[in-house]
């Protein structure tokens, strides 16, 4: 992780290029844990309103919450 910022209901986590070298399942679990931490802080009584975006250094999205709910986390499979 190289940076974290928030924007309303969303936390935006910037990751380095090394993120892509981690196995898919590890990246997915990291993203799920990041979302869970944010949801516990931001909206513990309505966790699906907390959103996560995982971006690389040039702000391309490589994971995060799906539009249907904050808890539905995805990461690129690569």
C-alpha atoms as a PDB file:
ATOM      1  CA  UNK A   1       0.000   0.000   0.000  1.00  0.00           C
ATOM      2  CA  UNK A   2       1.391   3.393  -0.915  1.00  0.00           C
ATOM      3  CA  UNK A   3      -1.475   5.677   0.059  1.00  0.00           C
ATOM      4  CA  UNK A   4      -4.967   5.967   1.501  1.00  0.00           C
ATOM      5  CA  UNK A   5      -7.505   8.736   1.091  1.00  0.00           C
ATOM      6  CA  UNK A   6     -11.228   9.042   1.646  1.00  0.00           C
ATOM      7  CA  UNK A   7     -13.916  10.685  -0.439  1.00  0.00           C
ATOM      8  CA  UNK A   8     -17.385  10.589   1.117  1.00  0.00           C
ATOM      9  CA  UNK A   9     -18.404   6.965   1.666  1.00  0.00           C
ATOM     10  CA  UNK A  10     -15.384   5.691  -0.253  1.00  0.00           C
ATOM     11  CA  UNK A  11     -11.860   4.911   0.864  1.00  0.00           C
ATOM     12  CA  UNK A  12      -9.325   4.841  -1.974  1.00  0.00           C
ATOM     13  CA  UNK A  13      -6.264   2.675  -1.433  1.00  0.00           C
ATOM     14  CA  UNK A  14      -3.300   3.113  -3.758  1.00  0.00           C
ATOM     15  CA  UNK A  15      -1.132   0.037  -4.211  1.00  0.00           C
ATOM     16  CA  UNK A  16       2.274  -0.388  -5.808  1.00  0.00           C
ATOM     17  CA  UNK A  17       3.009  -2.519  -8.858  1.00  0.00           C
ATOM     18  CA  UNK A  18       3.955  -5.353  -6.489  1.00  0.00           C
ATOM     19  CA  UNK A  19       0.219  -5.827  -5.860  1.00  0.00           C
ATOM     20  CA  UNK A  20      -0.042  -7.665  -9.182  1.00  0.00           C
ATOM     21  CA  UNK A  21       2.583 -10.228  -8.154  1.00  0.00           C
ATOM     22  CA  UNK A  22       0.482 -11.461  -5.236  1.00  0.00           C
ATOM     23  CA  UNK A  23      -1.766 -14.484  -5.886  1.00  0.00           C
ATOM     24  CA  UNK A  24      -5.378 -13.636  -6.706  1.00  0.00           C
ATOM     25  CA  UNK A  25      -6.796 -15.110  -3.500  1.00  0.00           C
ATOM     26  CA  UNK A  26      -4.355 -13.143  -1.325  1.00  0.00           C
ATOM     27  CA  UNK A  27      -5.227  -9.881  -3.123  1.00  0.00           C
ATOM     28  CA  UNK A  28      -8.941 -10.616  -2.733  1.00  0.00           C
ATOM     29  CA  UNK A  29      -8.572 -11.309   0.993  1.00  0.00           C
ATOM     30  CA  UNK A  30      -6.523  -8.138   1.485  1.00  0.00           C
ATOM     31  CA  UNK A  31      -9.202  -6.084  -0.279  1.00  0.00           C
ATOM     32  CA  UNK A  32     -11.974  -7.735   1.755  1.00  0.00           C
ATOM     33  CA  UNK A  33     -10.110  -7.014   4.994  1.00  0.00           C
ATOM     34  CA  UNK A  34      -9.496  -3.403   3.979  1.00  0.00           C
ATOM     35  CA  UNK A  35     -13.196  -2.976   3.227  1.00  0.00           C
ATOM     36  CA  UNK A  36     -14.186  -4.581   6.544  1.00  0.00           C
ATOM     37  CA  UNK A  37     -11.933  -2.206   8.459  1.00  0.00           C
ATOM     38  CA  UNK A  38     -13.355   0.807   6.620  1.00  0.00           C
ATOM     39  CA  UNK A  39     -16.951  -0.361   7.109  1.00  0.00           C
ATOM     40  CA  UNK A  40     -16.357  -0.820  10.850  1.00  0.00           C
ATOM     41  CA  UNK A  41     -15.100   2.759  11.105  1.00  0.00           C
ATOM     42  CA  UNK A  42     -17.313   4.552   8.576  1.00  0.00           C
ATOM     43  CA  UNK A  43     -20.727   2.933   8.947  1.00  0.00           C
ATOM     44  CA  UNK A  44     -20.873   0.053  11.442  1.00  0.00           C
ATOM     45  CA  UNK A  45     -24.693  -0.006  11.386  1.00  0.00           C
ATOM     46  CA  UNK A  46     -24.965   0.118   7.581  1.00  0.00           C
ATOM     47  CA  UNK A  47     -21.751  -1.504   6.324  1.00  0.00           C
ATOM     48  CA  UNK A  48     -22.762  -1.816   2.652  1.00  0.00           C
ATOM     49  CA  UNK A  49     -22.718   1.972   2.359  1.00  0.00           C
ATOM     50  CA  UNK A  50     -18.934   1.919   2.908  1.00  0.00           C
ATOM     51  CA  UNK A  51     -17.102   1.662  -0.416  1.00  0.00           C
ATOM     52  CA  UNK A  52     -13.568   0.643  -1.319  1.00  0.00           C
ATOM     53  CA  UNK A  53     -11.514   1.416  -4.414  1.00  0.00           C
ATOM     54  CA  UNK A  54      -8.109  -0.155  -5.000  1.00  0.00           C
ATOM     55  CA  UNK A  55      -6.054   1.771  -7.545  1.00  0.00           C
ATOM     56  CA  UNK A  56      -2.489   1.649  -8.860  1.00  0.00           C
ATOM     57  CA  UNK A  57      -0.145   4.640  -8.939  1.00  0.00           C
ATOM     58  CA  UNK A  58      -1.721   6.114 -12.103  1.00  0.00           C
ATOM     59  CA  UNK A  59      -5.257   5.827 -10.572  1.00  0.00           C
ATOM     60  CA  UNK A  60      -6.410   2.874 -12.705  1.00  0.00           C
ATOM     61  CA  UNK A  61      -8.867   0.823 -10.675  1.00  0.00           C
ATOM     62  CA  UNK A  62      -7.736  -2.760  -9.975  1.00  0.00           C
ATOM     63  CA  UNK A  63     -10.323  -3.701  -7.359  1.00  0.00           C
ATOM     64  CA  UNK A  64     -12.871  -2.545  -4.845  1.00  0.00           C
ATOM     65  CA  UNK A  65     -16.586  -2.556  -4.159  1.00  0.00           C
ATOM     66  CA  UNK A  66     -19.148  -3.440  -6.788  1.00  0.00           C
ATOM     67  CA  UNK A  67     -22.034  -1.069  -7.536  1.00  0.00           C
ATOM     68  CA  UNK A  68     -24.600  -3.340  -5.841  1.00  0.00           C
ATOM     69  CA  UNK A  69     -23.026  -3.147  -2.390  1.00  0.00           C
ATOM     70  CA  UNK A  70     -19.849  -2.148  -0.628  1.00  0.00           C
ATOM     71  CA  UNK A  71     -19.252  -5.662   0.681  1.00  0.00           C
ATOM     72  CA  UNK A  72     -19.169  -7.192  -2.815  1.00  0.00           C
ATOM     73  CA  UNK A  73     -15.427  -6.926  -3.359  1.00  0.00           C
ATOM     74  CA  UNK A  74     -13.571  -7.738  -6.576  1.00  0.00           C
ATOM     75  CA  UNK A  75      -9.945  -7.624  -7.714  1.00  0.00           C
ATOM     76  CA  UNK A  76      -8.487  -8.110 -11.179  1.00  0.00           C
ATOM     77  CA  UNK A  77      -7.648 -11.747 -11.784  1.00  0.00           C
ATOM     78  CA  UNK A  78      -4.547 -11.224 -13.980  1.00  0.00           C
END
